[in-house]
Protein backbone atom coordinates (compact mmCIF):
# COMPACT_ATOMS: atom_id res chain seq x y z
CA ILE A 1 55.83 -32.66 117.15
CA THR A 2 56.08 -35.76 114.48
CA SER A 3 59.12 -36.03 112.59
CA PRO A 4 59.17 -36.73 108.75
CA ALA A 5 60.94 -40.08 109.32
CA SER A 6 57.41 -41.23 111.17
CA TYR A 7 55.98 -40.94 107.58
CA ILE A 8 58.61 -42.50 105.61
CA CYS A 9 59.20 -45.75 108.19
CA PRO A 10 55.60 -47.12 107.40
CA PHE A 11 56.31 -46.96 103.72
CA VAL A 12 59.27 -48.70 104.08
CA ASP A 13 57.80 -51.52 106.30
CA LEU A 14 55.11 -51.78 103.35
CA CYS A 15 57.68 -52.17 100.65
CA ARG A 16 59.67 -54.60 102.71
CA THR A 17 56.71 -56.92 103.16
CA ILE A 18 55.83 -56.73 99.88
CA ARG A 19 58.94 -57.70 99.07
CA ILE A 20 58.94 -60.85 101.44
CA CYS A 21 55.62 -62.18 100.10
CA PHE A 22 56.86 -62.02 96.56
CA GLU A 23 59.89 -63.61 97.48
CA THR A 24 57.67 -66.52 99.17
CA SER A 25 55.26 -66.91 96.39
CA TRP A 26 55.42 -69.12 93.93
CA CYS A 27 57.60 -67.38 91.84
CA SER A 28 60.64 -68.12 94.23
CA ARG A 29 60.31 -71.71 93.51
CA CYS A 30 60.95 -71.11 90.21
CA PHE A 31 64.31 -72.09 88.85
CA HIS A 32 65.82 -69.44 86.19
CA LEU A 33 67.89 -70.93 83.72
CA SER A 34 70.28 -67.64 83.91
CA GLU A 35 71.41 -68.88 87.69
CA SER A 36 73.24 -71.83 85.81
CA ILE A 37 75.99 -69.22 84.77
CA SER A 38 78.26 -68.69 87.46
CA ASN A 39 79.75 -65.53 86.07
CA ARG A 40 77.31 -62.71 87.03
CA ALA A 41 78.20 -60.35 84.69
CA LEU A 42 77.23 -62.90 81.78
CA GLN A 43 73.69 -63.43 83.16
CA HIS A 44 72.29 -60.21 81.52
CA VAL A 45 73.85 -61.29 78.09
CA PHE A 46 71.91 -64.44 78.85
CA ALA A 47 68.53 -62.95 79.67
CA VAL A 48 68.88 -60.78 76.04
CA LEU A 49 69.53 -63.90 74.19
CA SER A 50 66.96 -65.77 75.46
CA LEU A 51 64.57 -62.96 74.80
CA PHE A 52 65.52 -63.21 71.29
CA ALA A 53 65.18 -66.91 70.99
CA SER A 54 61.53 -66.16 72.55
CA ALA A 55 60.99 -64.02 69.70
CA VAL A 56 61.94 -66.32 67.04
CA GLY A 57 60.14 -69.16 68.17
CA SER A 58 57.00 -67.47 68.72
CA GLN A 59 57.30 -66.00 65.64
CA ALA A 60 57.70 -69.05 63.87
CA THR A 61 54.91 -70.67 65.80
CA ILE A 62 52.86 -67.78 64.38
CA THR A 63 53.69 -67.78 61.04
CA ALA A 64 53.20 -71.75 60.72
CA GLY A 65 49.61 -71.22 61.85
CA PHE A 66 48.69 -68.27 59.56
CA SER A 67 50.28 -70.75 56.57
CA ILE A 68 47.90 -73.98 58.53
CA ILE A 69 45.06 -71.52 58.32
CA ASN A 70 45.25 -70.12 54.56
CA GLN A 71 45.66 -74.07 53.52
CA CYS A 72 42.87 -75.00 55.47
CA GLN A 73 40.63 -72.48 54.20
CA ALA A 74 41.87 -73.22 50.35
CA LEU A 75 40.50 -76.79 51.56
CA ASP A 76 37.27 -75.15 52.73
CA CYS A 77 38.20 -76.31 56.34
CA PHE A 78 38.12 -73.09 57.92
CA PRO A 79 35.89 -70.59 57.92
CA ARG A 80 36.36 -67.42 55.46
CA VAL A 81 38.89 -65.03 56.92
CA LYS A 82 41.05 -62.18 55.41
CA ILE A 83 44.38 -63.29 53.84
CA VAL A 84 47.25 -60.80 53.43
CA HIS A 85 49.50 -62.18 51.24
CA THR A 86 53.16 -59.87 51.76
CA SER A 87 54.99 -61.65 49.19
CA GLU A 88 54.84 -61.70 45.02
CA GLN A 89 57.12 -64.04 45.01
CA ILE A 90 56.21 -66.53 47.82
CA LEU A 91 52.82 -68.10 47.61
CA GLY A 92 52.60 -69.17 51.31
CA GLN A 93 53.93 -65.94 53.06
CA VAL A 94 51.04 -64.28 54.42
CA TYR A 95 49.26 -62.91 56.94
CA VAL A 96 46.36 -63.33 58.39
CA PRO A 97 44.93 -60.36 61.08
CA ASP A 98 41.71 -62.07 62.27
CA VAL A 99 43.62 -65.63 63.29
CA ASN A 100 46.39 -63.25 64.97
CA TRP A 101 43.95 -61.49 67.32
CA LEU A 102 42.52 -64.93 68.11
CA PHE A 103 46.28 -66.07 68.83
CA MET A 104 46.72 -63.41 71.08
CA THR A 105 43.36 -63.79 72.93
CA LEU A 106 44.43 -67.56 73.69
CA SER A 107 47.61 -66.93 74.63
CA ILE A 108 46.53 -64.48 77.40
CA ALA A 109 43.69 -66.49 78.33
CA ILE A 110 45.63 -69.63 78.82
CA THR A 111 48.74 -67.92 80.94
CA ILE A 112 45.78 -66.11 82.95
CA GLY A 113 43.75 -69.14 83.15
CA LEU A 114 46.80 -72.18 83.67
CA HIS A 115 48.56 -69.44 86.37
CA ASP A 116 51.65 -72.09 86.88
CA ILE A 117 54.65 -72.60 84.76
CA ALA A 118 54.88 -76.20 85.29
CA GLN A 119 51.17 -76.60 83.75
CA LEU A 120 52.14 -74.77 80.93
CA GLY A 121 55.24 -76.93 80.11
CA LYS A 122 52.68 -79.81 80.79
CA ALA A 123 50.48 -78.62 78.02
CA THR A 124 53.57 -77.70 75.61
CA GLY A 125 54.76 -81.05 75.94
CA LEU A 126 51.81 -82.72 74.90
CA ALA A 127 51.44 -80.65 71.99
CA VAL A 128 55.00 -81.32 70.83
CA ILE A 129 54.80 -84.92 71.37
CA SER A 130 51.34 -85.00 69.43
CA GLY A 131 53.10 -83.07 66.55
CA MET A 132 55.92 -85.60 66.13
CA ILE A 133 53.43 -88.80 66.22
CA VAL A 134 51.44 -87.09 63.58
CA THR A 135 54.61 -86.19 61.38
CA THR A 136 55.51 -89.90 62.16
CA CYS A 137 52.29 -91.30 60.53
CA LEU A 138 52.76 -89.01 57.66
CA MET A 139 55.85 -89.92 57.18
CA SER A 140 55.09 -93.45 56.61
CA LEU A 141 52.38 -92.50 54.22
CA VAL A 142 55.25 -90.73 52.05
CA ILE A 143 57.20 -93.54 52.31
CA ALA A 144 54.69 -96.28 50.96
CA LEU A 145 52.93 -93.75 48.54
CA TYR A 146 55.33 -90.97 47.56
CA TRP A 147 58.55 -92.78 47.57
CA GLU A 148 56.88 -96.10 46.29
CA LYS A 149 58.75 -97.95 48.89
CA SER A 150 57.22 -101.44 50.27
CA LEU A 151 54.46 -101.67 53.00
CA PHE A 152 56.90 -103.39 55.06
CA ALA A 153 59.40 -100.41 54.96
CA SER A 154 56.66 -98.21 55.95
CA ALA A 155 55.33 -100.43 58.79
CA CYS A 156 58.80 -100.71 60.11
CA PHE A 157 59.07 -96.90 60.14
CA LEU A 158 55.82 -96.39 61.73
CA VAL A 159 56.24 -98.80 64.49
CA PHE A 160 59.98 -98.08 65.17
CA PHE A 161 59.22 -94.31 65.55
CA GLY A 162 55.99 -94.82 66.90
CA SER A 163 56.02 -96.75 69.53
CA ILE A 164 59.09 -94.42 71.14
CA GLU A 165 56.69 -91.61 70.68
CA ALA A 166 53.66 -93.45 71.95
CA MET A 167 55.54 -93.66 75.07
CA TYR A 168 55.97 -90.16 75.75
CA LEU A 169 52.35 -89.63 74.74
CA SER A 170 51.37 -92.12 77.75
CA THR A 171 53.76 -90.14 80.25
CA SER A 172 52.41 -86.68 79.27
CA LEU A 173 48.43 -88.09 79.22
CA VAL A 174 49.16 -88.83 82.83
CA ASN A 175 49.27 -85.30 83.77
CA PHE A 176 45.81 -84.69 81.89
CA PHE A 177 44.28 -82.63 84.97
CA ARG A 178 47.67 -80.78 85.51
CA GLY A 179 47.69 -78.79 82.52
CA ALA A 180 47.23 -80.93 79.62
CA TRP A 181 43.58 -80.74 79.73
CA CYS A 182 43.92 -77.07 78.00
CA LEU A 183 45.30 -78.83 74.63
CA ILE A 184 42.73 -81.19 74.26
CA ILE A 185 39.83 -78.74 74.58
CA LEU A 186 41.82 -76.65 71.85
CA PHE A 187 41.69 -79.50 69.96
CA LEU A 188 38.17 -80.34 70.55
CA PHE A 189 37.07 -76.61 69.49
CA PHE A 190 38.88 -76.23 66.33
CA THR A 191 38.13 -79.59 65.07
CA THR A 192 34.65 -78.92 65.55
CA ILE A 193 34.87 -75.67 63.69
CA MET A 194 36.93 -77.63 60.94
CA SER A 195 34.65 -80.59 60.62
CA ALA A 196 31.26 -78.13 60.79
CA TRP A 197 32.47 -75.89 58.03
CA HIS A 198 34.20 -78.79 55.83
CA TYR A 199 30.61 -80.12 56.05
CA GLY A 200 28.31 -77.44 55.42
CA THR A 201 30.50 -76.30 52.90
CA LEU A 202 30.56 -79.70 50.87
CA LYS A 203 26.63 -80.22 51.27
CA LYS A 204 26.02 -76.78 49.97
CA TYR A 205 28.21 -77.28 47.08
CA GLN A 206 26.63 -80.64 46.53
CA PHE A 207 22.98 -79.15 46.89
CA ASP A 208 23.82 -76.47 44.04
CA VAL A 209 25.27 -78.85 41.70
CA GLU A 210 22.46 -81.71 41.89
CA ASN A 211 19.75 -78.92 42.22
CA LYS A 212 21.02 -76.69 39.22
CA VAL A 213 18.77 -76.70 35.97
CA SER A 214 20.16 -77.02 32.21
CA ILE A 215 19.82 -73.91 30.00
CA ASP A 216 17.10 -76.09 28.19
CA TRP A 217 14.96 -75.40 30.81
CA LEU A 218 15.17 -71.66 30.86
CA THR A 219 15.00 -71.59 27.27
CA ASN A 220 12.28 -74.15 26.15
CA TYR A 221 10.09 -73.83 29.34
CA SER A 222 10.22 -70.21 30.10
CA PRO A 223 7.42 -69.54 27.31
CA SER A 224 5.05 -72.01 28.95
CA LEU A 225 5.74 -70.92 32.40
CA GLY A 226 4.90 -67.08 31.35
CA VAL A 227 8.89 -65.68 31.65
CA SER A 228 8.82 -62.14 30.11
CA ARG A 229 12.02 -60.27 29.36
CA VAL A 230 12.45 -56.91 30.87
CA PRO A 231 15.04 -54.06 30.16
CA GLY A 232 18.48 -53.98 31.66
CA ILE A 233 21.36 -56.48 32.41
CA GLY A 234 21.18 -58.96 35.16
CA PHE A 235 24.33 -60.23 36.75
CA ILE A 236 23.97 -63.63 38.57
CA TYR A 237 26.73 -64.47 40.74
CA SER A 238 27.52 -68.32 41.04
CA ASP A 239 30.10 -71.09 42.46
CA ILE A 240 29.41 -73.70 39.57
CA GLU A 241 30.57 -73.17 35.95
CA MET A 242 27.87 -75.00 34.09
CA GLY A 243 24.10 -74.50 34.28
CA ILE A 244 21.69 -72.40 35.71
CA PRO A 245 22.22 -72.07 40.07
CA ALA A 246 19.37 -73.36 42.14
CA PHE A 247 18.38 -69.73 43.70
CA PHE A 248 18.25 -68.28 39.87
CA SER A 249 16.02 -71.25 38.93
CA HIS A 250 13.97 -70.80 42.48
CA PHE A 251 13.73 -66.79 41.58
CA ILE A 252 12.08 -67.51 38.00
CA THR A 253 9.82 -70.07 39.30
CA ASN A 254 8.15 -67.62 41.63
CA LEU A 255 8.68 -64.25 39.65
CA PRO A 256 8.55 -64.95 36.21
CA ALA A 257 10.47 -62.29 34.71
CA PHE A 258 14.37 -61.84 33.84
CA HIS A 259 16.49 -59.52 32.22
CA GLN A 260 17.11 -58.78 28.37
CA VAL A 261 20.54 -59.67 29.02
CA LEU A 262 21.75 -62.01 31.26
CA ILE A 263 25.49 -62.71 32.41
CA PHE A 264 26.65 -65.44 34.43
CA VAL A 265 29.72 -64.52 36.97
CA SER A 266 32.04 -66.86 38.81
CA PHE A 267 35.28 -66.48 40.43
CA LYS A 268 38.24 -68.26 40.35
CA SER A 269 41.36 -67.88 42.19
CA SER A 270 44.73 -69.10 40.80
CA PRO A 271 47.92 -69.45 42.67
CA VAL A 272 49.83 -66.48 41.17
CA PRO A 273 50.09 -62.47 42.28
CA TYR A 274 48.33 -60.97 39.59
CA ILE A 275 46.28 -61.79 36.46
CA PRO A 276 46.86 -59.03 33.54
CA HIS A 277 43.70 -57.34 32.49
CA ASN A 278 43.79 -58.94 29.09
CA ARG A 279 43.67 -62.67 30.33
CA ARG A 280 41.02 -62.02 33.51
CA TYR A 281 38.05 -62.97 32.06
CA LEU A 282 36.57 -65.83 30.36
CA ILE A 283 33.51 -65.32 28.01
CA GLY A 284 31.19 -67.79 26.86
CA ARG A 285 27.72 -68.24 25.53
CA VAL A 286 24.81 -69.80 27.04
CA GLY A 287 21.86 -71.23 24.88
CA PRO A 288 20.84 -70.06 21.55
CA ARG A 289 22.37 -66.86 20.13
CA GLU A 290 19.14 -64.56 19.96
CA TYR A 291 18.54 -65.42 24.40
CA ARG A 292 21.61 -62.99 24.94
CA ILE A 293 22.41 -64.93 27.73
CA TYR A 294 26.24 -65.11 28.58
CA ARG A 295 28.79 -66.41 31.25
CA CYS A 296 31.86 -65.05 32.42
CA ILE A 297 34.60 -66.49 34.76
CA VAL A 298 36.27 -63.74 36.36
CA ARG A 299 40.13 -64.99 37.41
CA TYR A 300 42.31 -63.20 39.87
CA GLY A 301 45.33 -63.63 41.65
CA TYR A 302 46.43 -63.77 45.45
CA ARG A 303 47.83 -59.95 45.14
CA ASP A 304 44.67 -58.79 42.93
CA SER A 305 42.26 -56.43 44.55
CA VAL A 306 38.64 -57.84 43.64
CA ARG A 307 36.72 -56.06 46.36
CA ASP A 308 37.93 -52.64 45.63
CA THR A 309 37.13 -52.95 41.67
CA ASP A 310 34.72 -50.06 40.97
CA ASP A 311 34.98 -50.54 36.80
CA PHE A 312 34.26 -54.26 37.05
CA GLU A 313 31.21 -54.07 35.46
CA ASP A 314 32.63 -52.11 32.30
CA HIS A 315 35.47 -54.52 31.87
CA ILE A 316 32.79 -57.34 31.62
CA ILE A 317 30.85 -55.60 28.87
CA SER A 318 33.52 -54.68 27.04
CA SER A 319 34.87 -58.54 27.36
CA ILE A 320 31.24 -59.52 26.10
CA GLY A 321 31.49 -57.09 22.85
CA GLU A 322 34.74 -58.28 22.06
CA PHE A 323 33.41 -61.93 22.28
CA ILE A 324 30.70 -61.42 20.21
CA ALA A 325 33.04 -59.34 17.70
CA ARG A 326 34.96 -62.26 17.27
CA GLU A 327 32.81 -64.97 17.39
CA GLU A 328 31.69 -64.25 13.77
CA TYR A 329 34.83 -65.51 12.65
CA ASP A 330 35.49 -68.39 15.28
CA TYR A 331 33.54 -71.25 13.73
CA GLU A 332 34.19 -73.28 16.55
CA SER A 333 32.95 -71.27 19.49
CA LEU A 334 29.85 -70.13 17.16
CA ASN A 335 28.80 -73.83 16.98
CA SER A 336 30.15 -75.48 20.20
CA ALA A 337 27.91 -76.44 23.11
CA GLU A 338 27.71 -74.70 26.63
CA GLY A 339 31.17 -74.73 28.12
CA LYS A 340 33.23 -73.18 25.36
CA MET A 341 35.26 -70.21 27.10
CA VAL A 342 37.49 -67.61 25.36
CA ILE A 343 40.27 -65.93 27.15
CA LEU A 344 39.34 -62.04 26.40
CA GLY A 345 40.49 -58.69 27.41
CA SER A 346 39.09 -55.07 26.68
CA LEU A 347 40.32 -54.44 23.12
CA MET A 348 40.75 -56.15 19.91
CA GLU A 349 43.88 -57.62 18.38
CA ASP A 350 43.93 -54.54 15.51
CA GLY A 351 43.86 -52.41 18.41
CA GLY A 352 40.36 -51.01 18.34
CA ALA A 353 37.65 -52.05 20.54
CA ALA A 354 34.03 -53.57 19.53
CA LEU A 355 32.39 -51.17 22.52
CA ILE A 356 34.15 -47.78 22.87
CA PRO A 357 33.75 -46.58 26.17
CA VAL A 358 32.46 -42.51 27.06
CA GLU A 359 32.95 -41.30 30.35
CA GLU A 360 30.61 -38.96 31.81
CA MET A 361 29.47 -37.23 35.23
CA GLY A 362 26.18 -38.89 37.04
CA SER A 363 24.78 -39.39 40.18
CA SER A 364 23.83 -42.50 42.40
CA VAL A 365 20.00 -42.66 43.48
CA CYS A 366 19.15 -45.45 46.24
CA SER A 367 15.59 -44.77 46.70
CA PRO A 368 13.39 -47.70 45.40
CA ILE A 369 11.25 -46.96 42.74
CA VAL A 370 7.84 -48.98 42.03
CA GLY A 371 6.51 -48.95 38.72
CA GLY A 372 7.37 -46.33 35.95
CA GLY A 373 8.84 -46.66 32.48
CA SER A 374 12.27 -47.47 31.25
CA GLU A 375 13.19 -43.85 32.39
CA SER A 376 12.50 -44.64 36.20
CA ARG A 377 14.37 -47.67 35.84
CA ARG A 378 17.43 -46.16 34.19
CA ASN A 379 17.59 -43.69 37.08
CA LEU A 380 17.10 -46.28 39.88
CA LEU A 381 19.89 -48.38 38.81
CA GLU A 382 22.23 -45.97 37.50
CA GLY A 383 24.67 -45.90 40.29
CA SER A 384 25.43 -49.44 39.54
CA SER A 385 27.30 -48.57 36.30
CA GLY A 386 29.79 -46.30 37.05
CA SER A 387 33.58 -46.15 37.58
CA GLY A 388 35.61 -44.54 39.89
CA ASN A 389 34.63 -43.30 43.36
CA SER A 390 31.70 -45.41 44.58
CA ASP A 391 29.43 -43.84 46.80
CA ASN A 392 25.85 -45.09 47.64
CA ARG A 393 24.58 -42.14 48.65
CA GLY A 394 21.81 -40.02 46.86
CA GLY A 395 22.89 -37.19 44.90
CA VAL A 396 26.50 -37.93 44.88
CA SER A 397 28.19 -37.07 41.81
CA ARG A 398 30.47 -40.02 40.14
CA LYS A 399 31.72 -41.18 36.98
CA ARG A 400 29.59 -42.97 34.70
CA VAL A 401 30.44 -44.97 31.42
CA ARG A 402 28.32 -45.21 28.65
CA PHE A 403 29.47 -47.41 25.29
CA MET A 404 29.09 -46.56 21.99
CA LEU A 405 29.47 -48.63 18.70
CA PRO A 406 32.60 -47.77 16.64
CA PRO A 407 31.98 -46.51 13.12
CA LYS A 408 30.02 -48.41 10.86
CA SER A 409 32.87 -50.50 8.68
CA PRO A 410 32.66 -53.29 5.93
CA GLN A 411 34.30 -55.88 8.31
CA MET A 412 31.33 -55.86 11.08
CA ARG A 413 28.32 -57.95 9.75
CA ASP A 414 24.55 -56.03 10.70
CA SER A 415 24.24 -59.16 13.31
CA VAL A 416 26.94 -58.20 15.16
CA ARG A 417 26.00 -54.87 15.20
CA GLU A 418 22.62 -55.53 16.13
CA GLU A 419 23.62 -57.72 19.14
CA LEU A 420 26.04 -55.01 20.73
CA GLN A 421 23.43 -52.25 20.14
CA GLU A 422 21.05 -54.28 22.00
CA ILE A 423 23.99 -54.79 24.94
CA ILE A 424 24.05 -50.73 24.85
CA ASP A 425 20.49 -50.64 25.12
CA ALA A 426 20.21 -52.78 28.24
CA ARG A 427 22.94 -50.95 29.93
CA GLU A 428 21.14 -47.86 29.37
CA SER A 429 17.87 -49.17 30.86
CA GLY A 430 19.64 -50.13 34.21
CA THR A 431 22.01 -53.06 35.60
CA ALA A 432 20.77 -55.47 38.71
CA TYR A 433 22.60 -57.75 40.62
CA PHE A 434 21.87 -61.52 41.97
CA LEU A 435 23.11 -62.73 44.66
CA GLY A 436 22.19 -66.04 46.32
CA GLN A 437 21.51 -66.22 49.93
CA SER A 438 21.56 -70.08 51.58
CA HIS A 439 20.06 -71.08 54.37
CA LEU A 440 20.78 -74.53 55.78
CA LEU A 441 18.43 -76.59 57.66
CA ALA A 442 18.51 -80.36 58.79
CA ARG A 443 15.86 -82.75 57.63
CA LYS A 444 13.62 -84.00 60.31
CA GLY A 445 14.68 -87.07 62.22
CA SER A 446 18.34 -86.14 61.78
CA ASN A 447 20.78 -87.29 64.45
CA LEU A 448 22.23 -84.84 67.00
CA LEU A 449 26.04 -84.65 65.36
CA LYS A 450 24.31 -83.69 62.10
CA ARG A 451 22.09 -80.81 63.79
CA LEU A 452 25.26 -79.48 65.80
CA LEU A 453 27.29 -79.56 62.50
CA ILE A 454 24.79 -77.36 60.75
CA MET A 455 24.04 -75.56 63.71
CA VAL A 456 28.02 -74.62 63.79
CA TYR A 457 28.01 -73.90 60.16
CA VAL A 458 25.07 -71.57 60.27
CA PHE A 459 26.90 -69.74 63.15
CA LEU A 460 30.31 -69.39 61.47
CA ASP A 461 28.60 -68.38 58.25
CA ARG A 462 26.89 -65.69 59.62
CA ASN A 463 29.98 -64.00 61.59
CA SER A 464 32.54 -65.20 59.08
CA ARG A 465 34.01 -62.82 56.36
CA GLU A 466 31.77 -62.05 52.90
CA PRO A 467 32.91 -63.73 49.86
CA PRO A 468 34.89 -61.96 47.46
CA VAL A 469 32.08 -60.84 45.14
CA ALA A 470 31.14 -58.23 46.86
CA LEU A 471 32.08 -55.21 44.17
CA ASN A 472 30.91 -52.57 45.70
CA ILE A 473 27.56 -53.00 44.56
CA PRO A 474 24.78 -50.45 45.08
CA ASN A 475 22.05 -51.30 47.19
CA ALA A 476 19.40 -50.15 44.79
CA ALA A 477 20.90 -52.57 42.25
CA LEU A 478 21.06 -55.62 44.77
CA LEU A 479 18.76 -58.37 44.72
CA GLU A 480 19.41 -61.46 46.97
CA VAL A 481 17.54 -64.40 46.81
CA GLY A 482 17.26 -66.88 49.82
CA THR A 483 17.22 -70.65 49.44
CA VAL A 484 16.40 -72.93 52.00
CA TYR A 485 18.69 -76.31 51.62
CA THR A 486 17.50 -79.37 53.31
CA ILE A 487 20.26 -81.66 54.06
């Protein structure tokens, strides 16, 4: 009869064998700092303090990484990522969830890939000494440019501290194949991403600026091109503040028609938490008054929610109505050239409004309708002119805002009432949104480096966050105009 001990002894022997193998592995060769404390009772306290120190150090590194990514994105040197500002008083206190996941993935991959604490130490040493060298070089520039000291003092500082750090750097580079190679690969990886994004963004902006057309092209040459005006309001989103963007001129050239009222919209961020609603919109007129073309610059702070704004269109129309009512009494803005912008809210100074909003219930329709009159066009684009809960599914009830003229008063001229009534009629006919989709291509005969940068930029642009122009736009009212940029 087999005793129970015969079943237990093999398990004990197995545990004993695993412990012996673990003790003779690479972990047994590690020297723990807790062994330097002679008092065995204090080793546990030392272990707890080490955990807290590691947490503080890692948190400082992660926070510095978030701040650097935020600054690089502001300088157009990093792809679009979600930036969460966690403080209303401190501008640089941010949290980047996308980069946080990236840090976690890279940390796990490097730890598993290197598999040796000695190699991790060599990679860390190269990172520290590289940061010291960069700091020394920047400090020499601060001495020469900001402190306005002599170049000799700046050169002495650079040579003295740079020579010491260069010796440490040479020692770290000797261990290139012992763990330091990992840091070099990460450096090349992020440098390629930042260089490609900055190069593509810069070339794209230069192309937009160089290929934009003036308002004279639209007003003077549109009759010769056979351009017709259709009922409705057209919102054209653009990154430029002057002229007509290249994608819209491309659209008019191929489809010679634009809406009865045109509004060029641009977004500008400000280094403040919030922008009050009465100072958020800058309104100006583009071209002659009879063309009904306006420009609106929307300013927002880093704590303002721009994407989830359902009444964005209502605020712009109200601000344009206020601009039209005030323009009659502002001789400077009435006779100024393009570029004169006026900060406006949604109410007049006397407490009234140029356009009175009236809420009603409507339904959003997303099925496209080809042909038909103004009534079918109104039904198609009705979903884009509502406020409240936004839903693009057909038949879903939602709030819709209509505008009315205030009671007739002798203070408002007939020309102002006529222009305001034309905006109301255009709003009732429907609203359309124009977005430009750029496609970058390298010219034939371009070198390999240029092709690589453009290819990386196109890949990042397709897989990064969308710009803050997506304001719950219904699909039925959205027109994306594609333009090929050959650089």
